[in-house]
PDB file of N, CA and C in Angstrom:
ATOM      1  N   MET A   1     126.562  79.259 119.701  1.00  0.00           N
ATOM      2  CA  MET A   1     126.457  78.025 119.736  1.00  0.00           C
ATOM      3  C   MET A   1     127.081  77.358 120.895  1.00  0.00           C
ATOM      4  N   ALA A   2     128.251  77.935 121.243  1.00  0.00           N
ATOM      5  CA  ALA A   2     129.062  77.342 122.215  1.00  0.00           C
ATOM      6  C   ALA A   2     128.184  77.262 123.625  1.00  0.00           C
ATOM      7  N   ASP A   3     127.550  78.377 123.744  1.00  0.00           N
ATOM      8  CA  ASP A   3     126.797  78.355 125.105  1.00  0.00           C
ATOM      9  C   ASP A   3     125.499  77.273 124.997  1.00  0.00           C
ATOM     10  N   HIS A   4     125.155  76.901 123.984  1.00  0.00           N
ATOM     11  CA  HIS A   4     124.157  75.876 123.800  1.00  0.00           C
ATOM     12  C   HIS A   4     124.780  74.654 124.024  1.00  0.00           C
ATOM     13  N   ASP A   5     126.044  74.431 123.650  1.00  0.00           N
ATOM     14  CA  ASP A   5     126.670  73.042 123.968  1.00  0.00           C
ATOM     15  C   ASP A   5     127.029  72.991 125.442  1.00  0.00           C
ATOM     16  N   THR A   6     127.474  74.001 125.877  1.00  0.00           N
ATOM     17  CA  THR A   6     127.925  74.059 127.460  1.00  0.00           C
ATOM     18  C   THR A   6     126.588  73.815 128.169  1.00  0.00           C
ATOM     19  N   ILE A   7     125.443  74.363 127.951  1.00  0.00           N
ATOM     20  CA  ILE A   7     124.304  74.031 128.666  1.00  0.00           C
ATOM     21  C   ILE A   7     123.764  72.742 128.348  1.00  0.00           C
ATOM     22  N   THR A   8     123.973  72.148 127.334  1.00  0.00           N
ATOM     23  CA  THR A   8     123.556  70.830 127.036  1.00  0.00           C
ATOM     24  C   THR A   8     124.543  69.835 127.872  1.00  0.00           C
ATOM     25  N   SER A   9     125.986  70.083 127.946  1.00  0.00           N
ATOM     26  CA  SER A   9     126.550  69.205 128.549  1.00  0.00           C
ATOM     27  C   SER A   9     126.438  69.399 129.989  1.00  0.00           C
ATOM     28  N   THR A  10     125.988  70.627 130.627  1.00  0.00           N
ATOM     29  CA  THR A  10     125.774  70.747 131.902  1.00  0.00           C
ATOM     30  C   THR A  10     124.510  69.951 132.524  1.00  0.00           C
ATOM     31  N   LEU A  11     123.475  70.175 131.534  1.00  0.00           N
ATOM     32  CA  LEU A  11     122.309  69.500 131.612  1.00  0.00           C
ATOM     33  C   LEU A  11     122.546  67.952 131.973  1.00  0.00           C
ATOM     34  N   ALA A  12     123.086  67.308 130.964  1.00  0.00           N
ATOM     35  CA  ALA A  12     123.430  65.909 131.087  1.00  0.00           C
ATOM     36  C   ALA A  12     124.213  65.626 132.388  1.00  0.00           C
ATOM     37  N   ALA A  13     125.112  66.252 132.810  1.00  0.00           N
ATOM     38  CA  ALA A  13     125.621  65.797 134.141  1.00  0.00           C
ATOM     39  C   ALA A  13     124.768  66.050 135.340  1.00  0.00           C
ATOM     40  N   LEU A  14     123.884  67.113 135.248  1.00  0.00           N
ATOM     41  CA  LEU A  14     122.782  67.297 136.418  1.00  0.00           C
ATOM     42  C   LEU A  14     121.852  66.193 136.366  1.00  0.00           C
ATOM     43  N   ARG A  15     121.402  65.781 135.191  1.00  0.00           N
ATOM     44  CA  ARG A  15     120.426  64.705 135.077  1.00  0.00           C
ATOM     45  C   ARG A  15     121.048  63.336 135.619  1.00  0.00           C
ATOM     46  N   THR A  16     122.382  63.279 135.314  1.00  0.00           N
ATOM     47  CA  THR A  16     122.819  61.779 135.704  1.00  0.00           C
ATOM     48  C   THR A  16     123.040  61.900 137.270  1.00  0.00           C
ATOM     49  N   GLU A  17     123.390  63.196 137.911  1.00  0.00           N
ATOM     50  CA  GLU A  17     123.495  63.310 139.166  1.00  0.00           C
ATOM     51  C   GLU A  17     122.068  63.018 139.952  1.00  0.00           C
ATOM     52  N   HIS A  18     121.024  63.636 139.356  1.00  0.00           N
ATOM     53  CA  HIS A  18     119.594  63.493 139.774  1.00  0.00           C
ATOM     54  C   HIS A  18     119.392  62.243 139.820  1.00  0.00           C
ATOM     55  N   ARG A  19     119.600  61.417 138.858  1.00  0.00           N
ATOM     56  CA  ARG A  19     119.254  59.977 138.655  1.00  0.00           C
ATOM     57  C   ARG A  19     119.927  59.063 139.794  1.00  0.00           C
ATOM     58  N   ALA A  20     121.223  59.471 140.010  1.00  0.00           N
ATOM     59  CA  ALA A  20     121.836  58.828 141.047  1.00  0.00           C
ATOM     60  C   ALA A  20     121.256  59.004 142.521  1.00  0.00           C
ATOM     61  N   LEU A  21     120.976  60.384 142.591  1.00  0.00           N
ATOM     62  CA  LEU A  21     120.427  60.535 143.950  1.00  0.00           C
ATOM     63  C   LEU A  21     119.000  59.875 143.983  1.00  0.00           C
ATOM     64  N   ASP A  22     118.127  59.767 143.091  1.00  0.00           N
ATOM     65  CA  ASP A  22     117.108  59.110 143.124  1.00  0.00           C
ATOM     66  C   ASP A  22     117.317  57.646 143.548  1.00  0.00           C
ATOM     67  N   ASP A  23     118.259  56.775 142.808  1.00  0.00           N
ATOM     68  CA  ASP A  23     118.500  55.489 143.335  1.00  0.00           C
ATOM     69  C   ASP A  23     119.001  55.541 144.698  1.00  0.00           C
ATOM     70  N   LEU A  24     119.806  56.595 145.081  1.00  0.00           N
ATOM     71  CA  LEU A  24     120.369  56.361 146.361  1.00  0.00           C
ATOM     72  C   LEU A  24     119.228  56.721 147.622  1.00  0.00           C
ATOM     73  N   ILE A  25     118.369  57.632 147.093  1.00  0.00           N
ATOM     74  CA  ILE A  25     117.137  57.826 148.031  1.00  0.00           C
ATOM     75  C   ILE A  25     116.229  56.646 148.203  1.00  0.00           C
ATOM     76  N   ALA A  26     115.914  56.008 147.135  1.00  0.00           N
ATOM     77  CA  ALA A  26     115.284  54.569 147.006  1.00  0.00           C
ATOM     78  C   ALA A  26     115.929  53.749 148.041  1.00  0.00           C
ATOM     79  N   GLY A  27     117.218  53.561 147.740  1.00  0.00           N
ATOM     80  CA  GLY A  27     117.764  52.230 148.476  1.00  0.00           C
ATOM     81  C   GLY A  27     117.983  52.534 149.808  1.00  0.00           C
ATOM     82  N   VAL A  28     118.210  54.036 150.396  1.00  0.00           N
ATOM     83  CA  VAL A  28     118.223  54.378 151.777  1.00  0.00           C
ATOM     84  C   VAL A  28     116.958  54.211 152.407  1.00  0.00           C
ATOM     85  N   GLY A  29     115.887  54.659 151.586  1.00  0.00           N
ATOM     86  CA  GLY A  29     114.333  54.314 152.105  1.00  0.00           C
ATOM     87  C   GLY A  29     113.879  53.091 152.369  1.00  0.00           C
ATOM     88  N   GLN A  30     114.678  52.027 151.748  1.00  0.00           N
ATOM     89  CA  GLN A  30     114.186  50.671 151.730  1.00  0.00           C
ATOM     90  C   GLN A  30     114.997  49.897 152.939  1.00  0.00           C
ATOM     91  N   GLY A  31     116.020  50.679 153.269  1.00  0.00           N
ATOM     92  CA  GLY A  31     116.797  49.824 154.310  1.00  0.00           C
ATOM     93  C   GLY A  31     116.257  49.954 155.660  1.00  0.00           C
ATOM     94  N   ALA A  32     116.613  49.080 156.547  1.00  0.00           N
ATOM     95  CA  ALA A  32     116.024  48.945 158.001  1.00  0.00           C
ATOM     96  C   ALA A  32     116.580  50.069 158.954  1.00  0.00           C
ATOM     97  N   SER A  33     117.825  50.386 158.739  1.00  0.00           N
ATOM     98  CA  SER A  33     118.195  51.459 159.512  1.00  0.00           C
ATOM     99  C   SER A  33     118.875  52.616 158.566  1.00  0.00           C
ATOM    100  N   PHE A  34     118.329  53.800 158.748  1.00  0.00           N
ATOM    101  CA  PHE A  34     118.799  55.019 157.944  1.00  0.00           C
ATOM    102  C   PHE A  34     118.583  56.276 158.665  1.00  0.00           C
ATOM    103  N   ASP A  35     119.394  57.253 158.543  1.00  0.00           N
ATOM    104  CA  ASP A  35     119.577  58.460 158.912  1.00  0.00           C
ATOM    105  C   ASP A  35     118.625  59.235 158.410  1.00  0.00           C
ATOM    106  N   GLN A  36     117.661  59.757 159.159  1.00  0.00           N
ATOM    107  CA  GLN A  36     116.402  60.692 158.592  1.00  0.00           C
ATOM    108  C   GLN A  36     117.176  61.871 158.053  1.00  0.00           C
ATOM    109  N   ILE A  37     118.301  62.553 158.893  1.00  0.00           N
ATOM    110  CA  ILE A  37     118.661  63.828 158.519  1.00  0.00           C
ATOM    111  C   ILE A  37     119.417  63.876 157.183  1.00  0.00           C
ATOM    112  N   GLN A  38     120.172  62.517 156.916  1.00  0.00           N
ATOM    113  CA  GLN A  38     120.886  62.386 155.842  1.00  0.00           C
ATOM    114  C   GLN A  38     119.979  62.272 154.586  1.00  0.00           C
ATOM    115  N   LEU A  39     118.721  61.457 154.744  1.00  0.00           N
ATOM    116  CA  LEU A  39     117.828  61.426 153.736  1.00  0.00           C
ATOM    117  C   LEU A  39     117.193  62.732 153.341  1.00  0.00           C
ATOM    118  N   GLN A  40     116.803  63.642 154.401  1.00  0.00           N
ATOM    119  CA  GLN A  40     116.496  64.984 154.060  1.00  0.00           C
ATOM    120  C   GLN A  40     117.424  65.676 153.244  1.00  0.00           C
ATOM    121  N   ARG A  41     118.775  65.685 153.563  1.00  0.00           N
ATOM    122  CA  ARG A  41     119.742  66.177 152.795  1.00  0.00           C
ATOM    123  C   ARG A  41     119.963  65.953 151.436  1.00  0.00           C
ATOM    124  N   LEU A  42     119.776  64.507 151.294  1.00  0.00           N
ATOM    125  CA  LEU A  42     119.752  64.084 149.769  1.00  0.00           C
ATOM    126  C   LEU A  42     118.418  64.431 149.024  1.00  0.00           C
ATOM    127  N   LYS A  43     117.290  64.386 149.722  1.00  0.00           N
ATOM    128  CA  LYS A  43     116.137  65.070 149.086  1.00  0.00           C
ATOM    129  C   LYS A  43     116.372  66.524 148.749  1.00  0.00           C
ATOM    130  N   LYS A  44     116.760  67.124 149.680  1.00  0.00           N
ATOM    131  CA  LYS A  44     116.914  68.526 149.318  1.00  0.00           C
ATOM    132  C   LYS A  44     118.068  68.905 148.093  1.00  0.00           C
ATOM    133  N   ARG A  45     119.085  67.970 148.158  1.00  0.00           N
ATOM    134  CA  ARG A  45     119.927  68.104 147.059  1.00  0.00           C
ATOM    135  C   ARG A  45     119.281  67.782 145.501  1.00  0.00           C
ATOM    136  N   ARG A  46     118.625  66.701 145.746  1.00  0.00           N
ATOM    137  CA  ARG A  46     117.923  66.319 144.411  1.00  0.00           C
ATOM    138  C   ARG A  46     116.874  67.361 144.070  1.00  0.00           C
ATOM    139  N   LEU A  47     116.230  68.029 144.941  1.00  0.00           N
ATOM    140  CA  LEU A  47     115.353  69.148 144.593  1.00  0.00           C
ATOM    141  C   LEU A  47     116.073  70.377 143.806  1.00  0.00           C
ATOM    142  N   LEU A  48     117.227  70.732 144.515  1.00  0.00           N
ATOM    143  CA  LEU A  48     118.008  71.764 144.067  1.00  0.00           C
ATOM    144  C   LEU A  48     118.555  71.385 142.549  1.00  0.00           C
ATOM    145  N   LEU A  49     118.919  70.117 142.445  1.00  0.00           N
ATOM    146  CA  LEU A  49     119.349  69.776 141.000  1.00  0.00           C
ATOM    147  C   LEU A  49     118.213  69.895 140.051  1.00  0.00           C
ATOM    148  N   LYS A  50     116.921  69.523 140.562  1.00  0.00           N
ATOM    149  CA  LYS A  50     115.863  69.514 139.600  1.00  0.00           C
ATOM    150  C   LYS A  50     115.630  70.973 139.122  1.00  0.00           C
ATOM    151  N   ASP A  51     115.720  71.971 140.316  1.00  0.00           N
ATOM    152  CA  ASP A  51     115.683  73.453 139.792  1.00  0.00           C
ATOM    153  C   ASP A  51     116.508  73.921 138.933  1.00  0.00           C
ATOM    154  N   GLN A  52     117.718  73.546 139.015  1.00  0.00           N
ATOM    155  CA  GLN A  52     118.753  73.915 138.216  1.00  0.00           C
ATOM    156  C   GLN A  52     118.586  73.389 136.643  1.00  0.00           C
ATOM    157  N   ILE A  53     118.170  72.122 136.777  1.00  0.00           N
ATOM    158  CA  ILE A  53     117.737  71.557 135.412  1.00  0.00           C
ATOM    159  C   ILE A  53     116.725  72.339 134.760  1.00  0.00           C
ATOM    160  N   THR A  54     115.660  72.577 135.379  1.00  0.00           N
ATOM    161  CA  THR A  54     114.417  73.492 134.964  1.00  0.00           C
ATOM    162  C   THR A  54     115.072  74.671 134.498  1.00  0.00           C
ATOM    163  N   ARG A  55     115.943  75.528 135.143  1.00  0.00           N
ATOM    164  CA  ARG A  55     116.319  76.761 134.785  1.00  0.00           C
ATOM    165  C   ARG A  55     117.094  76.529 133.508  1.00  0.00           C
ATOM    166  N   LEU A  56     117.917  75.522 133.313  1.00  0.00           N
ATOM    167  CA  LEU A  56     118.789  75.512 132.163  1.00  0.00           C
ATOM    168  C   LEU A  56     117.876  75.044 130.933  1.00  0.00           C
ATOM    169  N   GLU A  57     117.039  74.216 131.176  1.00  0.00           N
ATOM    170  CA  GLU A  57     116.064  73.857 130.019  1.00  0.00           C
ATOM    171  C   GLU A  57     115.253  74.923 129.464  1.00  0.00           C
ATOM    172  N   SER A  58     115.064  75.925 130.359  1.00  0.00           N
ATOM    173  CA  SER A  58     114.297  77.168 129.906  1.00  0.00           C
ATOM    174  C   SER A  58     115.196  78.082 129.266  1.00  0.00           C
ATOM    175  N   ARG A  59     116.281  78.170 129.322  1.00  0.00           N
ATOM    176  CA  ARG A  59     117.390  78.751 128.537  1.00  0.00           C
ATOM    177  C   ARG A  59     117.531  78.250 127.298  1.00  0.00           C
ATOM    178  N   LEU A  60     117.381  76.999 126.946  1.00  0.00           N
ATOM    179  CA  LEU A  60     117.560  76.323 125.789  1.00  0.00           C
ATOM    180  C   LEU A  60     116.272  76.609 124.836  1.00  0.00           C
ATOM    181  N   LEU A  61     115.052  76.831 125.543  1.00  0.00           N
ATOM    182  CA  LEU A  61     114.038  77.062 124.705  1.00  0.00           C
ATOM    183  C   LEU A  61     113.780  78.588 124.061  1.00  0.00           C
ATOM    184  N   PRO A  62     113.519  78.672 122.933  1.00  0.00           N
ATOM    185  CA  PRO A  62     113.547  80.110 122.415  1.00  0.00           C
ATOM    186  C   PRO A  62     112.290  80.979 122.763  1.00  0.00           C
ATOM    187  N   ASP A  63     112.382  82.066 122.882  1.00  0.00           N
ATOM    188  CA  ASP A  63     111.430  82.984 123.319  1.00  0.00           C
ATOM    189  C   ASP A  63     110.341  83.114 122.242  1.00  0.00           C
ATOM    190  N   ILE A  64     109.128  82.766 122.681  1.00  0.00           N
ATOM    191  CA  ILE A  64     107.991  82.789 121.804  1.00  0.00           C
ATOM    192  C   ILE A  64     106.922  83.813 122.183  1.00  0.00           C
ATOM    193  N   ILE A  65     106.743  84.690 121.114  1.00  0.00           N
ATOM    194  CA  ILE A  65     105.765  85.839 121.535  1.00  0.00           C
ATOM    195  C   ILE A  65     104.399  85.173 121.120  1.00  0.00           C
ATOM    196  N   ALA A  66     103.551  85.177 122.110  1.00  0.00           N
ATOM    197  CA  ALA A  66     102.123  84.637 121.782  1.00  0.00           C
ATOM    198  C   ALA A  66     101.299  85.598 120.940  1.00  0.00           C
TER     199      ALA A  66
END
């Protein structure tokens, strides 16, 4: 059960960071002057977070034999 709690808390932290990156990317994209390389790095980080979130969510789901 401790593993489940750890995964849940990690998921919450990753989702918070992902949302923060979404907001930051939206703000950077609307600005008149922005660094394209920095924007690409932010998007890459956001994608990595999404992949981590997906992997952790799949660990929480029980294996179902069809």
